[in-house]
Amino acid sequence: MILRQLCKVATVLAFAASLSGIPTSPVHANTAISPVILDVDASGRASVAITNLRDRPVLYEVTPLSWTIENGKDVYGDTKEFIASPPSFRLLPGQKREIRVGYRGARSQNAEQAFRLRIAEIPSEITDFEGAIAAIAFAHLLPVYVAPRNAVPAPILDWSVRREGDVIIVRATNNGNMRKTVHSLGFQPDPDNGGLPRYRAEELVHVLAGSWREWRIAAPAGTEDGALFVKYLEFESTYQPVRK
């Protein structure tokens, strides 16, 4: 019973990490994925490589999903605008396989379109020393982006800050036509700690075109009066002030 419960927790945690946009580490998931973000070119095609790092064969299932952000939350659904080949496959220990993705929907004229590619291990049975059987599986949700046909993609983030009790709520609204990925953000950079904000939120968050996302940071009153510092995915080494 305990083994079953632990396995269920491991599965939920791995899937939750993928949902939040955080690449699941091969050390924990035993699957190497490259790249972890797919940009579909003008031909409508992209590819991703999957490597089985386990010491046993693994079955995988690949499913394209629609992806929008509604009221600051990720929303996923079925889609027929993407195909993935092969949709399922088996890898021996150490074996690598390339998955081809094809976009067959109508390309937007002005705004980037976003989808997800779900790569899931089909549960396998593992027997412990007492004979109990448990199923352990991991799922990864890779961002897939389709560039607009005409307009040059450019994210435009507008930032706002408000306080609710002991928590600062930071909102980013993307008024551009391309996603922007936030690595982390916060207030009061600490010069004795490499400029790392004393009060911060560390979570990889994708802000899609035409959407908004929020972060909640516990901090003393008055902290929000200072500048907000943001670290973007493409500039991981530095925090940039975005609000005075």
Protein backbone atom coordinates (compact mmCIF):
# COMPACT_ATOMS: atom_id res chain seq x y z
CA MET A 1 0.00 0.00 0.00
CA ILE A 2 2.79 2.42 0.92
CA LEU A 3 4.65 1.65 -2.29
CA ARG A 4 1.52 2.31 -4.34
CA GLN A 5 0.98 5.66 -2.63
CA LEU A 6 4.60 6.73 -3.15
CA CYS A 7 4.42 5.79 -6.81
CA LYS A 8 1.25 7.81 -7.28
CA VAL A 9 2.91 10.82 -5.65
CA ALA A 10 5.96 10.50 -7.90
CA THR A 11 3.76 10.37 -10.99
CA VAL A 12 1.75 13.44 -9.95
CA LEU A 13 4.87 15.45 -9.13
CA ALA A 14 6.52 14.68 -12.46
CA PHE A 15 3.39 15.58 -14.41
CA ALA A 16 2.91 18.78 -12.38
CA ALA A 17 6.47 19.87 -13.16
CA SER A 18 5.79 19.42 -16.86
CA LEU A 19 2.52 21.36 -16.61
CA SER A 20 4.27 24.35 -15.08
CA GLY A 21 6.71 24.46 -17.95
CA ILE A 22 9.69 23.28 -15.98
CA PRO A 23 11.75 20.74 -17.96
CA THR A 24 11.71 17.48 -16.00
CA SER A 25 15.25 16.46 -15.16
CA PRO A 26 16.48 13.21 -16.76
CA VAL A 27 17.91 12.34 -13.33
CA HIS A 28 14.37 12.10 -11.96
CA ALA A 29 12.38 11.17 -15.03
CA ASN A 30 14.96 8.88 -16.63
CA THR A 31 14.10 10.30 -20.04
CA ALA A 32 16.27 12.79 -21.94
CA ILE A 33 14.41 15.19 -24.24
CA SER A 34 15.99 17.62 -26.69
CA PRO A 35 14.94 20.30 -27.39
CA VAL A 36 12.47 21.10 -24.61
CA ILE A 37 10.86 23.94 -26.61
CA LEU A 38 9.79 23.45 -30.24
CA ASP A 39 9.62 26.30 -32.75
CA VAL A 40 7.82 25.26 -35.92
CA ASP A 41 9.51 26.59 -39.06
CA ALA A 42 7.93 27.85 -42.29
CA SER A 43 7.56 24.28 -43.54
CA GLY A 44 5.30 23.48 -40.60
CA ARG A 45 7.68 20.83 -39.28
CA ALA A 46 9.77 20.30 -36.15
CA SER A 47 11.36 17.37 -34.35
CA VAL A 48 12.36 16.28 -30.86
CA ALA A 49 14.71 13.50 -29.73
CA ILE A 50 13.74 11.11 -26.91
CA THR A 51 16.30 8.93 -25.12
CA ASN A 52 15.46 6.19 -22.62
CA LEU A 53 17.86 6.46 -19.67
CA ARG A 54 16.26 3.67 -17.70
CA ASP A 55 17.73 0.19 -17.34
CA ARG A 56 14.57 -1.36 -18.80
CA PRO A 57 12.45 -0.90 -21.95
CA VAL A 58 9.94 1.95 -21.88
CA LEU A 59 6.77 2.54 -23.91
CA TYR A 60 6.03 6.16 -24.86
CA GLU A 61 2.90 7.89 -26.13
CA VAL A 62 3.01 11.27 -27.91
CA THR A 63 -0.07 13.52 -28.01
CA PRO A 64 -0.35 17.08 -29.43
CA LEU A 65 -2.57 19.42 -27.36
CA SER A 66 -4.07 22.85 -27.88
CA TRP A 67 -2.84 25.44 -25.36
CA THR A 68 -4.34 28.72 -24.24
CA ILE A 69 -4.16 30.81 -21.07
CA GLU A 70 -7.49 31.82 -19.58
CA ASN A 71 -7.66 34.02 -16.47
CA GLY A 72 -3.97 33.41 -15.89
CA LYS A 73 -4.26 29.60 -15.99
CA ASP A 74 -3.11 27.05 -18.57
CA VAL A 75 -5.91 25.36 -20.48
CA TYR A 76 -5.26 22.27 -22.62
CA GLY A 77 -7.46 20.41 -25.07
CA ASP A 78 -7.50 18.02 -28.00
CA THR A 79 -6.29 19.28 -31.35
CA LYS A 80 -6.19 18.00 -34.92
CA GLU A 81 -3.94 20.81 -36.11
CA PHE A 82 -0.81 18.85 -35.22
CA ILE A 83 0.29 15.31 -35.93
CA ALA A 84 3.13 13.48 -34.23
CA SER A 85 4.95 10.53 -35.76
CA PRO A 86 5.21 7.97 -34.39
CA PRO A 87 2.33 8.46 -31.92
CA SER A 88 3.66 5.63 -29.74
CA PHE A 89 6.89 3.65 -29.62
CA ARG A 90 9.11 1.48 -27.45
CA LEU A 91 12.70 2.27 -26.52
CA LEU A 92 15.25 -0.16 -25.16
CA PRO A 93 17.67 1.03 -22.45
CA GLY A 94 19.88 3.76 -23.91
CA GLN A 95 17.96 3.84 -27.21
CA LYS A 96 17.12 7.17 -28.89
CA ARG A 97 14.23 8.04 -31.22
CA GLU A 98 13.36 11.18 -33.15
CA ILE A 99 9.73 12.31 -33.11
CA ARG A 100 8.53 14.35 -36.08
CA VAL A 101 5.84 16.95 -35.57
CA GLY A 102 3.79 18.37 -38.42
CA TYR A 103 1.49 21.40 -38.26
CA ARG A 104 -1.46 21.18 -40.63
CA GLY A 105 -3.67 23.98 -39.31
CA ALA A 106 -4.12 27.49 -40.69
CA ARG A 107 -1.18 29.67 -39.78
CA SER A 108 -2.14 32.93 -38.06
CA GLN A 109 -1.43 36.11 -39.98
CA ASN A 110 -0.37 38.25 -37.04
CA ALA A 111 0.11 36.32 -33.79
CA GLU A 112 2.16 33.36 -32.65
CA GLN A 113 0.13 30.21 -31.93
CA ALA A 114 0.90 27.94 -28.98
CA PHE A 115 0.46 24.21 -28.46
CA ARG A 116 1.86 21.52 -26.21
CA LEU A 117 3.36 18.15 -27.04
CA ARG A 118 2.66 15.59 -24.32
CA ILE A 119 5.27 12.85 -24.11
CA ALA A 120 4.13 10.23 -21.62
CA GLU A 121 5.61 6.99 -20.41
CA ILE A 122 2.99 4.26 -20.59
CA PRO A 123 2.83 2.85 -17.02
CA SER A 124 4.77 -0.32 -16.42
CA GLU A 125 4.53 -2.69 -13.51
CA ILE A 126 7.28 -2.92 -10.90
CA THR A 127 7.23 -5.55 -8.15
CA ASP A 128 8.83 -4.77 -4.79
CA PHE A 129 10.37 -7.29 -2.40
CA GLU A 130 6.98 -8.04 -0.80
CA GLY A 131 5.34 -8.78 -4.12
CA ALA A 132 3.34 -5.56 -4.30
CA ILE A 133 2.78 -4.13 -7.77
CA ALA A 134 2.87 -0.41 -8.59
CA ALA A 135 2.77 1.62 -11.78
CA ILE A 136 5.21 4.49 -12.23
CA ALA A 137 4.90 6.87 -15.17
CA PHE A 138 6.13 10.31 -16.11
CA ALA A 139 4.68 12.85 -18.51
CA HIS A 140 6.32 15.89 -20.10
CA LEU A 141 4.51 18.81 -21.72
CA LEU A 142 6.73 20.55 -24.25
CA PRO A 143 5.82 24.04 -25.50
CA VAL A 144 5.31 24.18 -29.29
CA TYR A 145 5.16 27.56 -31.03
CA VAL A 146 4.04 28.40 -34.57
CA ALA A 147 5.25 31.78 -35.85
CA PRO A 148 2.76 34.12 -37.58
CA ARG A 149 2.72 34.25 -41.36
CA ASN A 150 3.29 37.97 -41.83
CA ALA A 151 3.98 40.01 -38.71
CA VAL A 152 7.37 40.02 -37.03
CA PRO A 153 6.90 38.34 -33.62
CA ALA A 154 7.58 40.63 -30.66
CA PRO A 155 6.45 40.22 -27.03
CA ILE A 156 5.32 43.34 -25.15
CA LEU A 157 4.97 42.80 -21.40
CA ASP A 158 3.17 45.35 -19.24
CA TRP A 159 3.82 44.90 -15.52
CA SER A 160 1.61 45.76 -12.55
CA VAL A 161 2.08 45.21 -8.82
CA ARG A 162 -0.47 45.16 -6.01
CA ARG A 163 -0.57 43.96 -2.43
CA GLU A 164 -3.02 41.63 -0.69
CA GLY A 165 -2.17 41.31 2.99
CA ASP A 166 1.32 39.88 3.38
CA VAL A 167 1.59 38.95 -0.30
CA ILE A 168 2.74 40.97 -3.32
CA ILE A 169 0.93 40.02 -6.52
CA VAL A 170 2.86 40.70 -9.71
CA ARG A 171 1.03 40.54 -13.05
CA ALA A 172 2.53 40.47 -16.54
CA THR A 173 0.21 41.18 -19.47
CA ASN A 174 1.53 40.30 -22.92
CA ASN A 175 0.16 42.81 -25.42
CA GLY A 176 2.52 41.62 -28.13
CA ASN A 177 2.14 38.82 -30.67
CA MET A 178 4.80 36.41 -29.33
CA ARG A 179 5.31 34.58 -26.03
CA LYS A 180 7.76 35.72 -23.39
CA THR A 181 9.20 33.27 -20.87
CA VAL A 182 10.01 34.48 -17.38
CA HIS A 183 12.69 32.59 -15.49
CA SER A 184 12.19 34.32 -12.10
CA LEU A 185 11.42 37.73 -10.60
CA GLY A 186 11.57 39.62 -7.33
CA PHE A 187 12.40 42.68 -5.26
CA GLN A 188 15.46 44.04 -3.44
CA PRO A 189 18.54 42.53 -5.16
CA ASP A 190 21.10 41.37 -2.61
CA PRO A 191 24.63 42.54 -3.61
CA ASP A 192 26.12 39.99 -1.20
CA ASN A 193 24.31 37.17 -2.99
CA GLY A 194 25.13 37.89 -6.62
CA GLY A 195 22.22 40.29 -7.06
CA LEU A 196 19.63 37.64 -6.28
CA PRO A 197 16.40 39.33 -5.10
CA ARG A 198 15.71 38.83 -1.39
CA TYR A 199 12.00 38.37 -2.08
CA ARG A 200 11.39 36.43 -5.27
CA ALA A 201 9.40 33.83 -7.17
CA GLU A 202 11.44 31.21 -9.00
CA GLU A 203 9.30 29.45 -11.57
CA LEU A 204 9.60 29.10 -15.33
CA VAL A 205 6.44 30.75 -16.68
CA HIS A 206 5.35 31.21 -20.31
CA VAL A 207 3.29 34.34 -20.97
CA LEU A 208 1.55 33.71 -24.29
CA ALA A 209 0.57 36.45 -26.74
CA GLY A 210 -2.63 38.17 -25.59
CA SER A 211 -2.57 36.58 -22.12
CA TRP A 212 -1.55 37.42 -18.55
CA ARG A 213 0.12 35.55 -15.71
CA GLU A 214 0.57 36.30 -12.01
CA TRP A 215 3.16 35.57 -9.32
CA ARG A 216 2.62 35.73 -5.55
CA ILE A 217 5.53 36.76 -3.30
CA ALA A 218 5.39 36.92 0.50
CA ALA A 219 7.23 40.09 1.58
CA PRO A 220 7.08 42.85 4.23
CA ALA A 221 4.99 45.96 3.62
CA GLY A 222 6.74 48.52 1.46
CA THR A 223 8.80 45.97 -0.48
CA GLU A 224 6.68 46.59 -3.58
CA ASP A 225 7.63 50.30 -3.56
CA GLY A 226 11.03 49.45 -5.00
CA ALA A 227 11.93 48.26 -8.47
CA LEU A 228 10.75 44.90 -9.78
CA PHE A 229 13.59 42.82 -11.21
CA VAL A 230 12.91 40.15 -13.82
CA LYS A 231 15.10 37.43 -15.28
CA TYR A 232 13.95 36.18 -18.68
CA LEU A 233 14.72 32.76 -20.11
CA GLU A 234 16.90 34.18 -22.88
CA PHE A 235 18.86 36.29 -20.38
CA GLU A 236 19.29 33.81 -17.56
CA SER A 237 22.46 35.41 -16.20
CA THR A 238 21.01 38.81 -15.31
CA TYR A 239 18.02 40.41 -13.58
CA GLN A 240 16.59 43.46 -15.33
CA PRO A 241 14.62 46.24 -13.61
CA VAL A 242 11.23 46.57 -15.31
CA ARG A 243 9.33 48.81 -12.89
CA LYS A 244 10.30 51.75 -10.68
